PDB file of N, CA and C in Angstrom:
ATOM      1  N   MET A   1     100.761  89.106  93.640  1.00  0.00           N
ATOM      2  CA  MET A   1      99.612  89.953  93.401  1.00  0.00           C
ATOM      3  C   MET A   1      98.459  89.050  92.974  1.00  0.00           C
ATOM      4  N   THR A   2      97.298  89.309  93.553  1.00  0.00           N
ATOM      5  CA  THR A   2      96.109  88.542  93.198  1.00  0.00           C
ATOM      6  C   THR A   2      95.141  89.439  92.456  1.00  0.00           C
ATOM      7  N   SER A   3      94.234  88.826  91.728  1.00  0.00           N
ATOM      8  CA  SER A   3      93.193  89.614  91.067  1.00  0.00           C
ATOM      9  C   SER A   3      91.844  89.038  91.461  1.00  0.00           C
ATOM     10  N   ASN A   4      90.862  89.914  91.548  1.00  0.00           N
ATOM     11  CA  ASN A   4      89.508  89.534  91.898  1.00  0.00           C
ATOM     12  C   ASN A   4      88.552  90.208  90.924  1.00  0.00           C
ATOM     13  N   ILE A   5      87.457  89.560  90.654  1.00  0.00           N
ATOM     14  CA  ILE A   5      86.427  90.144  89.806  1.00  0.00           C
ATOM     15  C   ILE A   5      85.354  90.716  90.719  1.00  0.00           C
ATOM     16  N   VAL A   6      85.004  91.977  90.481  1.00  0.00           N
ATOM     17  CA  VAL A   6      83.932  92.621  91.223  1.00  0.00           C
ATOM     18  C   VAL A   6      82.922  93.170  90.225  1.00  0.00           C
ATOM     19  N   GLN A   7      81.713  93.368  90.683  1.00  0.00           N
ATOM     20  CA  GLN A   7      80.636  93.835  89.817  1.00  0.00           C
ATOM     21  C   GLN A   7      80.054  95.122  90.375  1.00  0.00           C
ATOM     22  N   ILE A   8      79.801  96.072  89.485  1.00  0.00           N
ATOM     23  CA  ILE A   8      79.124  97.295  89.904  1.00  0.00           C
ATOM     24  C   ILE A   8      77.644  96.974  90.036  1.00  0.00           C
ATOM     25  N   ARG A   9      77.087  97.314  91.183  1.00  0.00           N
ATOM     26  CA  ARG A   9      75.673  97.043  91.462  1.00  0.00           C
ATOM     27  C   ARG A   9      74.875  98.340  91.418  1.00  0.00           C
ATOM     28  N   LYS A  10      73.623  98.238  91.856  1.00  0.00           N
ATOM     29  CA  LYS A  10      72.766  99.414  91.879  1.00  0.00           C
ATOM     30  C   LYS A  10      73.468 100.576  92.566  1.00  0.00           C
ATOM     31  N   LYS A  11      73.230 101.749  92.057  1.00  0.00           N
ATOM     32  CA  LYS A  11      73.778 102.987  92.608  1.00  0.00           C
ATOM     33  C   LYS A  11      75.302 102.989  92.644  1.00  0.00           C
ATOM     34  N   GLY A  12      75.957 102.154  91.838  1.00  0.00           N
ATOM     35  CA  GLY A  12      77.410 102.165  91.723  1.00  0.00           C
ATOM     36  C   GLY A  12      78.161 101.417  92.806  1.00  0.00           C
ATOM     37  N   SER A  13      77.475 100.632  93.616  1.00  0.00           N
ATOM     38  CA  SER A  13      78.132  99.906  94.708  1.00  0.00           C
ATOM     39  C   SER A  13      79.022  98.794  94.184  1.00  0.00           C
ATOM     40  N   LEU A  14      80.174  98.635  94.815  1.00  0.00           N
ATOM     41  CA  LEU A  14      81.077  97.520  94.551  1.00  0.00           C
ATOM     42  C   LEU A  14      81.166  96.671  95.809  1.00  0.00           C
ATOM     43  N   THR A  15      81.248  95.375  95.651  1.00  0.00           N
ATOM     44  CA  THR A  15      81.461  94.497  96.790  1.00  0.00           C
ATOM     45  C   THR A  15      82.913  94.057  96.782  1.00  0.00           C
ATOM     46  N   VAL A  16      83.624  94.404  97.841  1.00  0.00           N
ATOM     47  CA  VAL A  16      85.019  93.994  97.982  1.00  0.00           C
ATOM     48  C   VAL A  16      85.019  92.582  98.557  1.00  0.00           C
ATOM     49  N   PRO A  17      85.733  91.654  97.921  1.00  0.00           N
ATOM     50  CA  PRO A  17      85.740  90.266  98.412  1.00  0.00           C
ATOM     51  C   PRO A  17      86.168  90.176  99.879  1.00  0.00           C
ATOM     52  N   ILE A  18      85.576  89.230 100.583  1.00  0.00           N
ATOM     53  CA  ILE A  18      85.810  89.056 102.019  1.00  0.00           C
ATOM     54  C   ILE A  18      87.294  88.869 102.343  1.00  0.00           C
ATOM     55  N   GLU A  19      88.023  88.165 101.474  1.00  0.00           N
ATOM     56  CA  GLU A  19      89.444  87.934 101.729  1.00  0.00           C
ATOM     57  C   GLU A  19      90.212  89.254 101.791  1.00  0.00           C
ATOM     58  N   ILE A  20      89.859  90.169 100.894  1.00  0.00           N
ATOM     59  CA  ILE A  20      90.523  91.479 100.866  1.00  0.00           C
ATOM     60  C   ILE A  20      90.088  92.315 102.065  1.00  0.00           C
ATOM     61  N   ARG A  21      88.789  92.291 102.395  1.00  0.00           N
ATOM     62  CA  ARG A  21      88.299  93.047 103.562  1.00  0.00           C
ATOM     63  C   ARG A  21      88.992  92.572 104.830  1.00  0.00           C
ATOM     64  N   ASN A  22      89.106  91.262 104.991  1.00  0.00           N
ATOM     65  CA  ASN A  22      89.774  90.722 106.183  1.00  0.00           C
ATOM     66  C   ASN A  22      91.259  91.058 106.191  1.00  0.00           C
ATOM     67  N   LYS A  23      91.912  90.904 105.057  1.00  0.00           N
ATOM     68  CA  LYS A  23      93.356  91.147 104.965  1.00  0.00           C
ATOM     69  C   LYS A  23      93.711  92.576 105.360  1.00  0.00           C
ATOM     70  N   TYR A  24      92.872  93.529 104.945  1.00  0.00           N
ATOM     71  CA  TYR A  24      93.169  94.936 105.186  1.00  0.00           C
ATOM     72  C   TYR A  24      92.275  95.574 106.245  1.00  0.00           C
ATOM     73  N   SER A  25      91.548  94.763 106.982  1.00  0.00           N
ATOM     74  CA  SER A  25      90.662  95.235 108.060  1.00  0.00           C
ATOM     75  C   SER A  25      89.714  96.334 107.570  1.00  0.00           C
ATOM     76  N   LEU A  26      89.049  96.074 106.447  1.00  0.00           N
ATOM     77  CA  LEU A  26      88.094  97.018 105.880  1.00  0.00           C
ATOM     78  C   LEU A  26      86.714  96.726 106.435  1.00  0.00           C
ATOM     79  N   ASN A  27      85.974  97.771 106.742  1.00  0.00           N
ATOM     80  CA  ASN A  27      84.656  97.623 107.334  1.00  0.00           C
ATOM     81  C   ASN A  27      83.638  98.498 106.621  1.00  0.00           C
ATOM     82  N   GLU A  28      82.365  98.177 106.826  1.00  0.00           N
ATOM     83  CA  GLU A  28      81.289  98.978 106.266  1.00  0.00           C
ATOM     84  C   GLU A  28      81.460 100.428 106.688  1.00  0.00           C
ATOM     85  N   GLY A  29      81.321 101.340 105.739  1.00  0.00           N
ATOM     86  CA  GLY A  29      81.438 102.757 106.027  1.00  0.00           C
ATOM     87  C   GLY A  29      82.833 103.317 105.824  1.00  0.00           C
ATOM     88  N   ASP A  30      83.835 102.450 105.620  1.00  0.00           N
ATOM     89  CA  ASP A  30      85.188 102.945 105.364  1.00  0.00           C
ATOM     90  C   ASP A  30      85.198 103.757 104.075  1.00  0.00           C
ATOM     91  N   LEU A  31      86.052 104.766 104.040  1.00  0.00           N
ATOM     92  CA  LEU A  31      86.181 105.627 102.867  1.00  0.00           C
ATOM     93  C   LEU A  31      87.351 105.193 102.005  1.00  0.00           C
ATOM     94  N   PHE A  32      87.235 105.454 100.699  1.00  0.00           N
ATOM     95  CA  PHE A  32      88.288 105.117  99.748  1.00  0.00           C
ATOM     96  C   PHE A  32      88.534 106.301  98.831  1.00  0.00           C
ATOM     97  N   THR A  33      89.733 106.373  98.302  1.00  0.00           N
ATOM     98  CA  THR A  33      90.072 107.343  97.278  1.00  0.00           C
ATOM     99  C   THR A  33      90.183 106.589  95.967  1.00  0.00           C
ATOM    100  N   LEU A  34      89.489 107.070  94.938  1.00  0.00           N
ATOM    101  CA  LEU A  34      89.557 106.468  93.620  1.00  0.00           C
ATOM    102  C   LEU A  34      90.403 107.392  92.742  1.00  0.00           C
ATOM    103  N   ILE A  35      91.501 106.859  92.229  1.00  0.00           N
ATOM    104  CA  ILE A  35      92.423 107.635  91.410  1.00  0.00           C
ATOM    105  C   ILE A  35      92.318 107.144  89.978  1.00  0.00           C
ATOM    106  N   ASP A  36      91.972 108.054  89.065  1.00  0.00           N
ATOM    107  CA  ASP A  36      91.856 107.726  87.642  1.00  0.00           C
ATOM    108  C   ASP A  36      93.249 107.742  87.041  1.00  0.00           C
ATOM    109  N   LEU A  37      93.746 106.577  86.629  1.00  0.00           N
ATOM    110  CA  LEU A  37      95.080 106.459  86.048  1.00  0.00           C
ATOM    111  C   LEU A  37      95.069 106.678  84.540  1.00  0.00           C
ATOM    112  N   GLY A  38      93.879 106.828  83.967  1.00  0.00           N
ATOM    113  CA  GLY A  38      93.755 107.027  82.527  1.00  0.00           C
ATOM    114  C   GLY A  38      93.679 105.700  81.788  1.00  0.00           C
ATOM    115  N   ASP A  39      93.280 105.768  80.540  1.00  0.00           N
ATOM    116  CA  ASP A  39      93.162 104.584  79.685  1.00  0.00           C
ATOM    117  C   ASP A  39      92.306 103.483  80.304  1.00  0.00           C
ATOM    118  N   GLY A  40      91.281 103.861  81.072  1.00  0.00           N
ATOM    119  CA  GLY A  40      90.355 102.886  81.651  1.00  0.00           C
ATOM    120  C   GLY A  40      90.850 102.213  82.922  1.00  0.00           C
ATOM    121  N   ALA A  41      91.997 102.627  83.421  1.00  0.00           N
ATOM    122  CA  ALA A  41      92.543 102.028  84.648  1.00  0.00           C
ATOM    123  C   ALA A  41      92.350 103.006  85.816  1.00  0.00           C
ATOM    124  N   PHE A  42      92.062 102.447  86.975  1.00  0.00           N
ATOM    125  CA  PHE A  42      91.965 103.273  88.166  1.00  0.00           C
ATOM    126  C   PHE A  42      92.471 102.493  89.365  1.00  0.00           C
ATOM    127  N   MET A  43      92.769 103.225  90.418  1.00  0.00           N
ATOM    128  CA  MET A  43      93.275 102.611  91.644  1.00  0.00           C
ATOM    129  C   MET A  43      92.352 103.034  92.787  1.00  0.00           C
ATOM    130  N   LEU A  44      92.013 102.100  93.627  1.00  0.00           N
ATOM    131  CA  LEU A  44      91.145 102.332  94.775  1.00  0.00           C
ATOM    132  C   LEU A  44      91.971 102.088  96.033  1.00  0.00           C
ATOM    133  N   THR A  45      92.118 103.129  96.862  1.00  0.00           N
ATOM    134  CA  THR A  45      92.916 102.979  98.079  1.00  0.00           C
ATOM    135  C   THR A  45      92.096 103.376  99.296  1.00  0.00           C
ATOM    136  N   PRO A  46      92.236 102.631 100.398  1.00  0.00           N
ATOM    137  CA  PRO A  46      91.506 102.987 101.607  1.00  0.00           C
ATOM    138  C   PRO A  46      91.958 104.339 102.128  1.00  0.00           C
ATOM    139  N   ARG A  47      91.006 105.092 102.613  1.00  0.00           N
ATOM    140  CA  ARG A  47      91.304 106.392 103.222  1.00  0.00           C
ATOM    141  C   ARG A  47      90.877 106.295 104.682  1.00  0.00           C
ATOM    142  N   ILE A  48      91.841 106.195 105.542  1.00  0.00           N
ATOM    143  CA  ILE A  48      91.560 106.005 106.961  1.00  0.00           C
ATOM    144  C   ILE A  48      91.210 107.350 107.590  1.00  0.00           C
ATOM    145  N   SER A  49      90.069 107.409 108.219  1.00  0.00           N
ATOM    146  CA  SER A  49      89.634 108.629 108.896  1.00  0.00           C
ATOM    147  C   SER A  49      90.590 108.926 110.040  1.00  0.00           C
ATOM    148  N   GLN A  50      91.103 110.149 110.071  1.00  0.00           N
ATOM    149  CA  GLN A  50      92.018 110.534 111.141  1.00  0.00           C
ATOM    150  C   GLN A  50      91.311 110.518 112.494  1.00  0.00           C
ATOM    151  N   VAL A  51      90.036 110.889 112.501  1.00  0.00           N
ATOM    152  CA  VAL A  51      89.280 110.881 113.752  1.00  0.00           C
ATOM    153  C   VAL A  51      89.185 109.463 114.292  1.00  0.00           C
ATOM    154  N   ASN A  52      88.833 108.514 113.424  1.00  0.00           N
ATOM    155  CA  ASN A  52      88.734 107.123 113.870  1.00  0.00           C
ATOM    156  C   ASN A  52      90.090 106.585 114.310  1.00  0.00           C
ATOM    157  N   ARG A  53      91.139 106.902 113.562  1.00  0.00           N
ATOM    158  CA  ARG A  53      92.476 106.421 113.900  1.00  0.00           C
ATOM    159  C   ARG A  53      92.899 106.972 115.263  1.00  0.00           C
ATOM    160  N   LEU A  54      92.711 108.270 115.465  1.00  0.00           N
ATOM    161  CA  LEU A  54      93.087 108.868 116.739  1.00  0.00           C
ATOM    162  C   LEU A  54      92.231 108.340 117.884  1.00  0.00           C
ATOM    163  N   GLY A  55      90.946 108.130 117.622  1.00  0.00           N
ATOM    164  CA  GLY A  55      90.061 107.563 118.638  1.00  0.00           C
ATOM    165  C   GLY A  55      90.531 106.187 119.082  1.00  0.00           C
ATOM    166  N   ARG A  56      90.928 105.371 118.110  1.00  0.00           N
ATOM    167  CA  ARG A  56      91.439 104.030 118.451  1.00  0.00           C
ATOM    168  C   ARG A  56      92.721 104.122 119.273  1.00  0.00           C
ATOM    169  N   GLN A  57      93.606 105.054 118.883  1.00  0.00           N
ATOM    170  CA  GLN A  57      94.851 105.219 119.640  1.00  0.00           C
ATOM    171  C   GLN A  57      94.575 105.652 121.078  1.00  0.00           C
ATOM    172  N   ILE A  58      93.656 106.579 121.247  1.00  0.00           N
ATOM    173  CA  ILE A  58      93.311 107.037 122.594  1.00  0.00           C
ATOM    174  C   ILE A  58      92.711 105.903 123.406  1.00  0.00           C
ATOM    175  N   ALA A  59      91.808 105.143 122.794  1.00  0.00           N
ATOM    176  CA  ALA A  59      91.188 104.013 123.497  1.00  0.00           C
ATOM    177  C   ALA A  59      92.237 103.002 123.942  1.00  0.00           C
ATOM    178  N   GLU A  60      93.225 102.738 123.081  1.00  0.00           N
ATOM    179  CA  GLU A  60      94.289 101.793 123.442  1.00  0.00           C
ATOM    180  C   GLU A  60      95.117 102.322 124.610  1.00  0.00           C
ATOM    181  N   LEU A  61      95.466 103.617 124.563  1.00  0.00           N
ATOM    182  CA  LEU A  61      96.252 104.208 125.646  1.00  0.00           C
ATOM    183  C   LEU A  61      95.487 104.212 126.964  1.00  0.00           C
ATOM    184  N   VAL A  62      94.201 104.538 126.905  1.00  0.00           N
ATOM    185  CA  VAL A  62      93.367 104.542 128.103  1.00  0.00           C
ATOM    186  C   VAL A  62      93.348 103.153 128.727  1.00  0.00           C
ATOM    187  N   GLN A  63      93.199 102.132 127.874  1.00  0.00           N
ATOM    188  CA  GLN A  63      93.155 100.765 128.386  1.00  0.00           C
ATOM    189  C   GLN A  63      94.510 100.345 128.947  1.00  0.00           C
ATOM    190  N   GLU A  64      95.596 100.656 128.222  1.00  0.00           N
ATOM    191  CA  GLU A  64      96.939 100.282 128.672  1.00  0.00           C
ATOM    192  C   GLU A  64      97.293 100.933 130.012  1.00  0.00           C
ATOM    193  N   GLU A  65      96.910 102.179 130.178  1.00  0.00           N
ATOM    194  CA  GLU A  65      97.263 102.931 131.383  1.00  0.00           C
ATOM    195  C   GLU A  65      96.219 102.798 132.485  1.00  0.00           C
ATOM    196  N   ASN A  66      95.144 102.045 132.213  1.00  0.00           N
ATOM    197  CA  ASN A  66      94.075 101.829 133.180  1.00  0.00           C
ATOM    198  C   ASN A  66      93.504 103.163 133.689  1.00  0.00           C
ATOM    199  N   ILE A  67      93.174 104.046 132.734  1.00  0.00           N
ATOM    200  CA  ILE A  67      92.631 105.364 133.055  1.00  0.00           C
ATOM    201  C   ILE A  67      91.106 105.275 133.046  1.00  0.00           C
ATOM    202  N   SER A  68      90.485 105.838 134.069  1.00  0.00           N
ATOM    203  CA  SER A  68      89.025 105.796 134.171  1.00  0.00           C
ATOM    204  C   SER A  68      88.397 106.974 133.425  1.00  0.00           C
ATOM    205  N   LEU A  69      87.102 106.886 133.207  1.00  0.00           N
ATOM    206  CA  LEU A  69      86.362 107.980 132.587  1.00  0.00           C
ATOM    207  C   LEU A  69      86.448 109.228 133.459  1.00  0.00           C
ATOM    208  N   ASP A  70      86.350 109.066 134.771  1.00  0.00           N
ATOM    209  CA  ASP A  70      86.482 110.209 135.683  1.00  0.00           C
ATOM    210  C   ASP A  70      87.842 110.888 135.540  1.00  0.00           C
ATOM    211  N   ASP A  71      88.907 110.077 135.398  1.00  0.00           N
ATOM    212  CA  ASP A  71      90.244 110.641 135.197  1.00  0.00           C
ATOM    213  C   ASP A  71      90.282 111.485 133.919  1.00  0.00           C
ATOM    214  N   LEU A  72      89.697 110.954 132.849  1.00  0.00           N
ATOM    215  CA  LEU A  72      89.681 111.682 131.581  1.00  0.00           C
ATOM    216  C   LEU A  72      88.905 112.982 131.691  1.00  0.00           C
ATOM    217  N   LEU A  73      87.747 112.923 132.312  1.00  0.00           N
ATOM    218  CA  LEU A  73      86.911 114.117 132.442  1.00  0.00           C
ATOM    219  C   LEU A  73      87.580 115.168 133.327  1.00  0.00           C
ATOM    220  N   ASN A  74      88.218 114.736 134.394  1.00  0.00           N
ATOM    221  CA  ASN A  74      88.938 115.680 135.259  1.00  0.00           C
ATOM    222  C   ASN A  74      90.089 116.339 134.512  1.00  0.00           C
ATOM    223  N   SER A  75      90.816 115.560 133.737  1.00  0.00           N
ATOM    224  CA  SER A  75      91.919 116.112 132.948  1.00  0.00           C
ATOM    225  C   SER A  75      91.407 117.106 131.921  1.00  0.00           C
ATOM    226  N   LEU A  76      90.274 116.793 131.310  1.00  0.00           N
ATOM    227  CA  LEU A  76      89.672 117.695 130.337  1.00  0.00           C
ATOM    228  C   LEU A  76      89.286 119.018 130.997  1.00  0.00           C
ATOM    229  N   ASP A  77      88.692 118.949 132.183  1.00  0.00           N
ATOM    230  CA  ASP A  77      88.337 120.167 132.926  1.00  0.00           C
ATOM    231  C   ASP A  77      89.580 120.997 133.236  1.00  0.00           C
ATOM    232  N   GLU A  78      90.657 120.328 133.652  1.00  0.00           N
ATOM    233  CA  GLU A  78      91.898 121.033 133.965  1.00  0.00           C
ATOM    234  C   GLU A  78      92.474 121.712 132.723  1.00  0.00           C
ATOM    235  N   GLU A  79      92.447 121.015 131.587  1.00  0.00           N
ATOM    236  CA  GLU A  79      92.951 121.584 130.338  1.00  0.00           C
ATOM    237  C   GLU A  79      92.114 122.774 129.884  1.00  0.00           C
ATOM    238  N   ARG A  80      90.789 122.663 130.023  1.00  0.00           N
ATOM    239  CA  ARG A  80      89.909 123.787 129.668  1.00  0.00           C
ATOM    240  C   ARG A  80      90.231 125.012 130.518  1.00  0.00           C
ATOM    241  N   GLU A  81      90.423 124.778 131.808  1.00  0.00           N
ATOM    242  CA  GLU A  81      90.723 125.884 132.713  1.00  0.00           C
ATOM    243  C   GLU A  81      92.052 126.531 132.348  1.00  0.00           C
ATOM    244  N   ARG A  82      93.061 125.729 132.057  1.00  0.00           N
ATOM    245  CA  ARG A  82      94.372 126.263 131.646  1.00  0.00           C
ATOM    246  C   ARG A  82      94.246 127.056 130.347  1.00  0.00           C
ATOM    247  N   TYR A  83      93.502 126.496 129.394  1.00  0.00           N
ATOM    248  CA  TYR A  83      93.315 127.166 128.106  1.00  0.00           C
ATOM    249  C   TYR A  83      92.622 128.508 128.306  1.00  0.00           C
ATOM    250  N   TYR A  84      91.586 128.521 129.121  1.00  0.00           N
ATOM    251  CA  TYR A  84      90.847 129.757 129.383  1.00  0.00           C
ATOM    252  C   TYR A  84      91.779 130.804 129.998  1.00  0.00           C
ATOM    253  N   LYS A  85      92.561 130.403 130.991  1.00  0.00           N
ATOM    254  CA  LYS A  85      93.476 131.334 131.658  1.00  0.00           C
ATOM    255  C   LYS A  85      94.501 131.878 130.665  1.00  0.00           C
ATOM    256  N   ASP A  86      95.029 130.989 129.828  1.00  0.00           N
ATOM    257  CA  ASP A  86      96.068 131.397 128.856  1.00  0.00           C
ATOM    258  C   ASP A  86      95.522 132.319 127.768  1.00  0.00           C
ATOM    259  N   HIS A  87      94.251 132.150 127.392  1.00  0.00           N
ATOM    260  CA  HIS A  87      93.730 132.879 126.240  1.00  0.00           C
ATOM    261  C   HIS A  87      92.739 134.002 126.573  1.00  0.00           C
ATOM    262  N   TYR A  88      92.084 133.916 127.709  1.00  0.00           N
ATOM    263  CA  TYR A  88      91.000 134.859 127.968  1.00  0.00           C
ATOM    264  C   TYR A  88      91.103 135.604 129.299  1.00  0.00           C
ATOM    265  N   ALA A  89      91.860 135.088 130.225  1.00  0.00           N
ATOM    266  CA  ALA A  89      91.933 135.721 131.550  1.00  0.00           C
ATOM    267  C   ALA A  89      92.695 137.041 131.465  1.00  0.00           C
ATOM    268  N   ALA A  90      92.206 138.018 132.208  1.00  0.00           N
ATOM    269  CA  ALA A  90      92.889 139.327 132.256  1.00  0.00           C
ATOM    270  C   ALA A  90      94.165 139.185 133.053  1.00  0.00           C
ATOM    271  N   ASP A  91      95.190 139.862 132.586  1.00  0.00           N
ATOM    272  CA  ASP A  91      96.484 139.801 133.285  1.00  0.00           C
ATOM    273  C   ASP A  91      96.509 140.640 134.505  1.00  0.00           C
TER     274      ASP A  91
END
């Protein structure tokens, strides 16, 4: 376990040392959860956006499967049509 000294700056900003940002792939705009442990101690944990995580997974799959934008858009149109038929079309 390592320890680092950080300073609270204007408007409560903290600067996370570059070594920690690189180690955990932290970037500007990332969200964190601050948990008050009591007695002046707290824990700061990264909160990964589910939208960003899912977006990255989709991008990786698209690249791995060599899927084009046209393929994605056509599939989306097909899914919309199926959804409409299943939920709104008269029997």
